[in-house]
């Protein structure tokens, strides 16, 4: 059953982009697990992050992915880096470019944060390689 919060034009617009970038394998469980406490945040993120910011014309999705990886590394948020590495690859960012973003961030944001990001990025890249090989 769809939660009443998860309706409306802005939510649907954001949901479409969120699924295209992160994949329904991540988005569907996130929404399905939403409860009375977490549903408002899922709604906010879907409508404003994905439906408003990610749909603006000024930057391509690939560029937004670069920015997210760098900012999330700077903030040392490996869980979010993990999610956005998959999104970056879906947006056309190459494995080599992901490594370069993390190396660049290491110099300006700190090696410990970059190590955490590289660890999770490597995990996702290997997982996606395996998924691709299995589907071939």
N, C-alpha and C. Protein backbone atom coordinates (compact mmCIF):
# COMPACT_ATOMS: atom_id res chain seq x y z
N UNK A 1 0.84 -1.18 0.00
CA UNK A 1 0.00 0.00 0.00
C UNK A 1 0.88 1.25 0.00
N UNK A 2 0.55 2.20 -0.81
CA UNK A 2 1.30 3.45 -0.88
C UNK A 2 0.89 4.36 0.26
N UNK A 3 1.88 4.90 0.93
CA UNK A 3 1.60 5.85 2.01
C UNK A 3 1.02 7.12 1.39
N UNK A 4 0.09 7.76 2.09
CA UNK A 4 -0.50 8.99 1.53
C UNK A 4 0.52 10.08 1.27
N UNK A 5 1.62 10.08 2.04
CA UNK A 5 2.67 11.09 1.84
C UNK A 5 3.38 10.90 0.50
N UNK A 6 3.35 9.67 -0.01
CA UNK A 6 4.12 9.33 -1.19
C UNK A 6 3.29 9.47 -2.47
N UNK A 7 2.57 10.56 -2.55
CA UNK A 7 1.75 10.85 -3.73
C UNK A 7 2.01 12.29 -4.15
N UNK A 8 1.44 12.67 -5.23
CA UNK A 8 1.56 14.04 -5.71
C UNK A 8 2.58 14.16 -6.82
N UNK A 9 2.43 15.21 -7.59
CA UNK A 9 3.26 15.42 -8.78
C UNK A 9 4.75 15.57 -8.44
N UNK A 10 5.06 16.37 -7.43
CA UNK A 10 6.47 16.60 -7.07
C UNK A 10 7.12 15.31 -6.56
N UNK A 11 6.37 14.53 -5.78
CA UNK A 11 6.91 13.26 -5.29
C UNK A 11 7.18 12.32 -6.46
N UNK A 12 6.25 12.21 -7.38
CA UNK A 12 6.41 11.31 -8.53
C UNK A 12 7.57 11.75 -9.43
N UNK A 13 7.73 13.05 -9.60
CA UNK A 13 8.85 13.59 -10.38
C UNK A 13 10.18 13.18 -9.73
N UNK A 14 10.27 13.37 -8.42
CA UNK A 14 11.49 13.00 -7.70
C UNK A 14 11.72 11.51 -7.67
N UNK A 15 10.65 10.75 -7.52
CA UNK A 15 10.76 9.30 -7.47
C UNK A 15 11.33 8.74 -8.77
N UNK A 16 10.91 9.30 -9.88
CA UNK A 16 11.40 8.87 -11.19
C UNK A 16 12.92 9.07 -11.28
N UNK A 17 13.39 10.24 -10.90
CA UNK A 17 14.83 10.53 -10.96
C UNK A 17 15.58 9.68 -9.96
N UNK A 18 15.06 9.56 -8.75
CA UNK A 18 15.71 8.78 -7.71
C UNK A 18 15.90 7.33 -8.17
N UNK A 19 14.87 6.77 -8.79
CA UNK A 19 14.97 5.39 -9.29
C UNK A 19 15.97 5.28 -10.44
N UNK A 20 15.98 6.27 -11.32
CA UNK A 20 16.91 6.24 -12.46
C UNK A 20 18.36 6.31 -11.99
N UNK A 21 18.62 7.09 -10.96
CA UNK A 21 19.99 7.27 -10.48
C UNK A 21 20.41 6.13 -9.55
N UNK A 22 19.62 5.87 -8.52
CA UNK A 22 20.03 4.91 -7.49
C UNK A 22 19.59 3.48 -7.78
N UNK A 23 18.60 3.32 -8.62
CA UNK A 23 18.07 2.00 -8.90
C UNK A 23 16.93 1.64 -7.96
N UNK A 24 15.96 0.93 -8.50
CA UNK A 24 14.80 0.57 -7.70
C UNK A 24 15.16 -0.43 -6.60
N UNK A 25 16.26 -1.15 -6.77
CA UNK A 25 16.70 -2.08 -5.74
C UNK A 25 17.06 -1.38 -4.44
N UNK A 26 17.41 -0.11 -4.51
CA UNK A 26 17.66 0.68 -3.30
C UNK A 26 16.42 1.48 -2.91
N UNK A 27 15.78 2.11 -3.88
CA UNK A 27 14.68 3.03 -3.59
C UNK A 27 13.47 2.30 -3.03
N UNK A 28 13.06 1.21 -3.66
CA UNK A 28 11.85 0.50 -3.22
C UNK A 28 11.94 0.06 -1.76
N UNK A 29 13.03 -0.57 -1.32
CA UNK A 29 13.12 -0.94 0.09
C UNK A 29 13.14 0.27 1.03
N UNK A 30 13.78 1.35 0.61
CA UNK A 30 13.80 2.56 1.45
C UNK A 30 12.40 3.08 1.70
N UNK A 31 11.60 3.11 0.66
CA UNK A 31 10.22 3.58 0.81
C UNK A 31 9.36 2.57 1.55
N UNK A 32 9.58 1.29 1.28
CA UNK A 32 8.79 0.24 1.94
C UNK A 32 9.03 0.21 3.44
N UNK A 33 10.25 0.53 3.86
CA UNK A 33 10.58 0.53 5.30
C UNK A 33 10.11 1.79 6.02
N UNK A 34 9.66 2.77 5.26
CA UNK A 34 9.26 4.04 5.88
C UNK A 34 8.08 3.82 6.82
N UNK A 35 8.18 4.44 7.99
CA UNK A 35 7.09 4.36 8.96
C UNK A 35 6.68 5.77 9.34
N UNK A 36 5.89 5.89 10.38
CA UNK A 36 5.39 7.21 10.78
C UNK A 36 6.52 8.18 11.12
N UNK A 37 7.65 7.66 11.57
CA UNK A 37 8.77 8.52 11.93
C UNK A 37 9.62 8.89 10.72
N UNK A 38 9.83 7.96 9.82
CA UNK A 38 10.76 8.18 8.72
C UNK A 38 10.11 8.62 7.41
N UNK A 39 8.81 8.41 7.26
CA UNK A 39 8.13 8.78 6.01
C UNK A 39 8.26 10.27 5.67
N UNK A 40 8.16 11.18 6.65
CA UNK A 40 8.31 12.59 6.29
C UNK A 40 9.69 12.92 5.69
N UNK A 41 10.74 12.27 6.18
CA UNK A 41 12.08 12.51 5.62
C UNK A 41 12.19 11.90 4.22
N UNK A 42 11.63 10.72 4.01
CA UNK A 42 11.63 10.12 2.67
C UNK A 42 10.90 11.03 1.69
N UNK A 43 9.80 11.60 2.13
CA UNK A 43 9.03 12.52 1.28
C UNK A 43 9.87 13.76 0.95
N UNK A 44 10.49 14.35 1.96
CA UNK A 44 11.32 15.54 1.76
C UNK A 44 12.46 15.27 0.78
N UNK A 45 13.17 14.18 1.01
CA UNK A 45 14.31 13.84 0.15
C UNK A 45 13.84 13.59 -1.28
N UNK A 46 12.77 12.85 -1.43
CA UNK A 46 12.29 12.51 -2.78
C UNK A 46 11.81 13.75 -3.51
N UNK A 47 11.03 14.59 -2.85
CA UNK A 47 10.48 15.77 -3.52
C UNK A 47 11.52 16.84 -3.79
N UNK A 48 12.35 17.15 -2.80
CA UNK A 48 13.23 18.31 -2.94
C UNK A 48 14.62 17.96 -3.45
N UNK A 49 15.21 16.92 -2.91
CA UNK A 49 16.53 16.53 -3.42
C UNK A 49 16.41 16.03 -4.86
N UNK A 50 15.56 15.03 -5.05
CA UNK A 50 15.46 14.37 -6.35
C UNK A 50 14.51 15.08 -7.31
N UNK A 51 13.41 15.63 -6.82
CA UNK A 51 12.42 16.26 -7.69
C UNK A 51 12.71 17.70 -8.02
N UNK A 52 13.50 18.36 -7.19
CA UNK A 52 13.80 19.78 -7.42
C UNK A 52 15.25 19.99 -7.84
N UNK A 53 16.20 19.58 -7.01
CA UNK A 53 17.61 19.85 -7.28
C UNK A 53 18.15 19.00 -8.43
N UNK A 54 17.93 17.70 -8.40
CA UNK A 54 18.47 16.82 -9.44
C UNK A 54 17.83 17.05 -10.80
N UNK A 55 16.73 17.77 -10.87
CA UNK A 55 16.07 18.01 -12.16
C UNK A 55 16.36 19.40 -12.71
N UNK A 56 17.15 20.19 -12.01
CA UNK A 56 17.48 21.53 -12.49
C UNK A 56 18.34 21.42 -13.76
N UNK A 57 18.25 22.40 -14.64
CA UNK A 57 18.95 22.32 -15.92
C UNK A 57 20.44 22.70 -15.88
N UNK A 58 20.93 23.28 -14.82
CA UNK A 58 22.28 23.85 -14.81
C UNK A 58 23.43 22.87 -14.81
N UNK A 59 23.21 21.65 -14.33
CA UNK A 59 24.28 20.65 -14.28
C UNK A 59 23.75 19.31 -14.79
N UNK A 60 24.60 18.58 -15.46
CA UNK A 60 24.25 17.23 -15.88
C UNK A 60 24.31 16.30 -14.66
N UNK A 61 23.64 15.18 -14.76
CA UNK A 61 23.64 14.21 -13.65
C UNK A 61 25.05 13.73 -13.31
N UNK A 62 25.86 13.55 -14.32
CA UNK A 62 27.24 13.09 -14.09
C UNK A 62 27.99 14.09 -13.21
N UNK A 63 27.83 15.37 -13.49
CA UNK A 63 28.48 16.42 -12.69
C UNK A 63 27.94 16.42 -11.27
N UNK A 64 26.64 16.26 -11.13
CA UNK A 64 26.04 16.20 -9.79
C UNK A 64 26.60 15.01 -9.01
N UNK A 65 26.82 13.90 -9.70
CA UNK A 65 27.41 12.74 -9.04
C UNK A 65 28.83 13.02 -8.57
N UNK A 66 29.64 13.69 -9.40
CA UNK A 66 30.98 14.08 -8.98
C UNK A 66 30.91 14.91 -7.70
N UNK A 67 30.04 15.91 -7.71
CA UNK A 67 29.91 16.79 -6.55
C UNK A 67 29.49 16.02 -5.31
N UNK A 68 28.50 15.15 -5.46
CA UNK A 68 28.03 14.38 -4.31
C UNK A 68 29.14 13.51 -3.73
N UNK A 69 29.88 12.82 -4.59
CA UNK A 69 30.96 11.97 -4.08
C UNK A 69 32.00 12.79 -3.33
N UNK A 70 32.35 13.94 -3.86
CA UNK A 70 33.34 14.79 -3.19
C UNK A 70 32.81 15.32 -1.86
N UNK A 71 31.57 15.82 -1.87
CA UNK A 71 31.01 16.38 -0.63
C UNK A 71 30.79 15.31 0.43
N UNK A 72 30.31 14.15 0.02
CA UNK A 72 30.08 13.07 0.98
C UNK A 72 31.39 12.53 1.54
N UNK A 73 32.44 12.54 0.72
CA UNK A 73 33.76 12.18 1.23
C UNK A 73 34.23 13.21 2.24
N UNK A 74 34.06 14.49 1.92
CA UNK A 74 34.46 15.56 2.84
C UNK A 74 33.74 15.44 4.17
N UNK A 75 32.48 15.05 4.12
CA UNK A 75 31.68 14.90 5.34
C UNK A 75 31.91 13.55 6.03
N UNK A 76 32.71 12.69 5.39
CA UNK A 76 32.98 11.34 5.88
C UNK A 76 31.68 10.58 6.15
N UNK A 77 30.90 10.43 5.09
CA UNK A 77 29.62 9.72 5.16
C UNK A 77 29.68 8.48 4.25
N UNK A 78 30.43 7.44 4.67
CA UNK A 78 30.63 6.29 3.80
C UNK A 78 29.34 5.58 3.39
N UNK A 79 28.34 5.55 4.26
CA UNK A 79 27.07 4.91 3.88
C UNK A 79 26.46 5.62 2.68
N UNK A 80 26.47 6.93 2.68
CA UNK A 80 25.92 7.70 1.56
C UNK A 80 26.83 7.62 0.34
N UNK A 81 28.15 7.57 0.56
CA UNK A 81 29.07 7.40 -0.57
C UNK A 81 28.74 6.10 -1.29
N UNK A 82 28.50 5.06 -0.53
CA UNK A 82 28.17 3.75 -1.11
C UNK A 82 26.96 3.85 -2.03
N UNK A 83 25.94 4.52 -1.58
CA UNK A 83 24.72 4.69 -2.38
C UNK A 83 25.02 5.50 -3.64
N UNK A 84 25.80 6.56 -3.48
CA UNK A 84 26.04 7.47 -4.60
C UNK A 84 27.12 6.98 -5.57
N UNK A 85 27.95 6.03 -5.18
CA UNK A 85 28.87 5.41 -6.14
C UNK A 85 28.05 4.65 -7.18
N UNK A 86 27.07 3.89 -6.72
CA UNK A 86 26.18 3.17 -7.65
C UNK A 86 25.48 4.18 -8.56
N UNK A 87 24.97 5.25 -7.97
CA UNK A 87 24.31 6.29 -8.76
C UNK A 87 25.26 6.93 -9.76
N UNK A 88 26.49 7.18 -9.34
CA UNK A 88 27.47 7.80 -10.24
C UNK A 88 27.74 6.89 -11.44
N UNK A 89 27.93 5.61 -11.18
CA UNK A 89 28.15 4.67 -12.28
C UNK A 89 26.94 4.62 -13.20
N UNK A 90 25.75 4.66 -12.62
CA UNK A 90 24.52 4.70 -13.43
C UNK A 90 24.43 5.98 -14.25
N UNK A 91 25.06 7.05 -13.77
CA UNK A 91 25.03 8.35 -14.46
C UNK A 91 26.18 8.51 -15.45
N UNK A 92 26.96 7.47 -15.67
CA UNK A 92 28.02 7.55 -16.67
C UNK A 92 29.40 7.90 -16.14
N UNK A 93 29.54 8.04 -14.83
CA UNK A 93 30.86 8.27 -14.24
C UNK A 93 31.63 6.95 -14.34
N UNK A 94 32.88 7.02 -14.75
CA UNK A 94 33.68 5.80 -14.87
C UNK A 94 34.30 5.43 -13.52
N UNK A 95 34.75 4.20 -13.43
CA UNK A 95 35.44 3.75 -12.22
C UNK A 95 36.67 4.61 -11.97
N UNK A 96 37.40 4.92 -13.03
CA UNK A 96 38.61 5.73 -12.91
C UNK A 96 38.28 7.14 -12.40
N UNK A 97 37.19 7.69 -12.87
CA UNK A 97 36.79 9.03 -12.41
C UNK A 97 36.40 9.01 -10.94
N UNK A 98 35.76 7.95 -10.48
CA UNK A 98 35.42 7.83 -9.06
C UNK A 98 36.69 7.82 -8.23
N UNK A 99 37.67 7.04 -8.65
CA UNK A 99 38.96 6.99 -7.94
C UNK A 99 39.58 8.38 -7.91
N UNK A 100 39.57 9.09 -9.01
CA UNK A 100 40.17 10.43 -9.08
C UNK A 100 39.45 11.43 -8.17
N UNK A 101 38.13 11.36 -8.11
CA UNK A 101 37.38 12.24 -7.21
C UNK A 101 37.80 11.99 -5.76
N UNK A 102 37.93 10.73 -5.40
CA UNK A 102 38.30 10.40 -4.02
C UNK A 102 39.74 10.81 -3.73
N UNK A 103 40.64 10.62 -4.69
CA UNK A 103 42.03 11.07 -4.50
C UNK A 103 42.09 12.59 -4.33
N UNK A 104 41.35 13.31 -5.14
CA UNK A 104 41.30 14.77 -5.03
C UNK A 104 40.77 15.17 -3.65
N UNK A 105 39.72 14.49 -3.21
CA UNK A 105 39.15 14.80 -1.90
C UNK A 105 40.12 14.47 -0.77
N UNK A 106 40.95 13.46 -0.96
CA UNK A 106 41.92 13.09 0.08
C UNK A 106 42.83 14.26 0.42
N UNK A 107 43.26 14.99 -0.59
CA UNK A 107 44.17 16.11 -0.37
C UNK A 107 43.49 17.26 0.36
N UNK A 108 42.27 17.56 -0.02
CA UNK A 108 41.58 18.73 0.53
C UNK A 108 40.68 18.42 1.72
N UNK A 109 40.32 17.15 1.90
CA UNK A 109 39.36 16.81 2.96
C UNK A 109 39.93 15.86 4.00
N UNK A 110 41.05 15.25 3.70
CA UNK A 110 41.67 14.35 4.66
C UNK A 110 41.72 12.91 4.17
N UNK A 111 42.84 12.29 4.45
CA UNK A 111 43.06 10.91 4.03
C UNK A 111 42.12 9.94 4.74
N UNK A 112 41.86 10.06 6.06
CA UNK A 112 40.95 9.10 6.69
C UNK A 112 39.56 9.06 6.04
N UNK A 113 39.02 10.21 5.73
CA UNK A 113 37.71 10.25 5.07
C UNK A 113 37.79 9.62 3.68
N UNK A 114 38.86 9.90 2.96
CA UNK A 114 39.03 9.34 1.62
C UNK A 114 39.21 7.82 1.68
N UNK A 115 39.91 7.34 2.69
CA UNK A 115 40.07 5.89 2.84
C UNK A 115 38.71 5.22 3.03
N UNK A 116 37.86 5.81 3.86
CA UNK A 116 36.52 5.26 4.05
C UNK A 116 35.74 5.26 2.74
N UNK A 117 35.83 6.36 2.00
CA UNK A 117 35.13 6.44 0.72
C UNK A 117 35.67 5.44 -0.28
N UNK A 118 36.99 5.30 -0.35
CA UNK A 118 37.59 4.36 -1.29
C UNK A 118 37.19 2.93 -0.95
N UNK A 119 37.13 2.63 0.33
CA UNK A 119 36.75 1.29 0.77
C UNK A 119 35.35 0.94 0.26
N UNK A 120 34.39 1.83 0.48
CA UNK A 120 33.02 1.52 0.06
C UNK A 120 32.87 1.63 -1.46
N UNK A 121 33.60 2.55 -2.08
CA UNK A 121 33.53 2.67 -3.55
C UNK A 121 34.02 1.38 -4.20
N UNK A 122 35.12 0.85 -3.70
CA UNK A 122 35.67 -0.40 -4.23
C UNK A 122 34.67 -1.54 -4.07
N UNK A 123 34.03 -1.59 -2.92
CA UNK A 123 33.01 -2.63 -2.67
C UNK A 123 31.88 -2.55 -3.70
N UNK A 124 31.37 -1.35 -3.94
CA UNK A 124 30.27 -1.17 -4.89
C UNK A 124 30.72 -1.47 -6.31
N UNK A 125 31.88 -0.99 -6.69
CA UNK A 125 32.39 -1.23 -8.04
C UNK A 125 32.52 -2.73 -8.30
N UNK A 126 33.09 -3.44 -7.35
CA UNK A 126 33.24 -4.90 -7.52
C UNK A 126 31.88 -5.59 -7.59
N UNK A 127 30.96 -5.15 -6.74
CA UNK A 127 29.62 -5.72 -6.74
C UNK A 127 28.93 -5.49 -8.10
N UNK A 128 29.05 -4.27 -8.62
CA UNK A 128 28.42 -3.97 -9.90
C UNK A 128 29.09 -4.72 -11.05
N UNK A 129 30.40 -4.93 -10.97
CA UNK A 129 31.09 -5.74 -11.98
C UNK A 129 30.54 -7.16 -11.96
N UNK A 130 30.38 -7.71 -10.75
CA UNK A 130 29.84 -9.07 -10.61
C UNK A 130 28.42 -9.16 -11.17
N UNK A 131 27.59 -8.16 -10.85
CA UNK A 131 26.21 -8.14 -11.36
C UNK A 131 26.20 -8.11 -12.88
N UNK A 132 27.09 -7.30 -13.45
CA UNK A 132 27.16 -7.19 -14.91
C UNK A 132 27.60 -8.52 -15.53
N UNK A 133 28.59 -9.17 -14.91
CA UNK A 133 29.09 -10.45 -15.42
C UNK A 133 28.01 -11.53 -15.34
N UNK A 134 27.24 -11.53 -14.26
CA UNK A 134 26.18 -12.52 -14.09
C UNK A 134 25.06 -12.34 -15.11
N UNK A 135 24.79 -11.09 -15.47
CA UNK A 135 23.69 -10.83 -16.41
C UNK A 135 24.12 -10.98 -17.87
N UNK A 136 25.43 -11.14 -18.10
CA UNK A 136 25.93 -11.26 -19.49
C UNK A 136 25.75 -12.66 -20.04
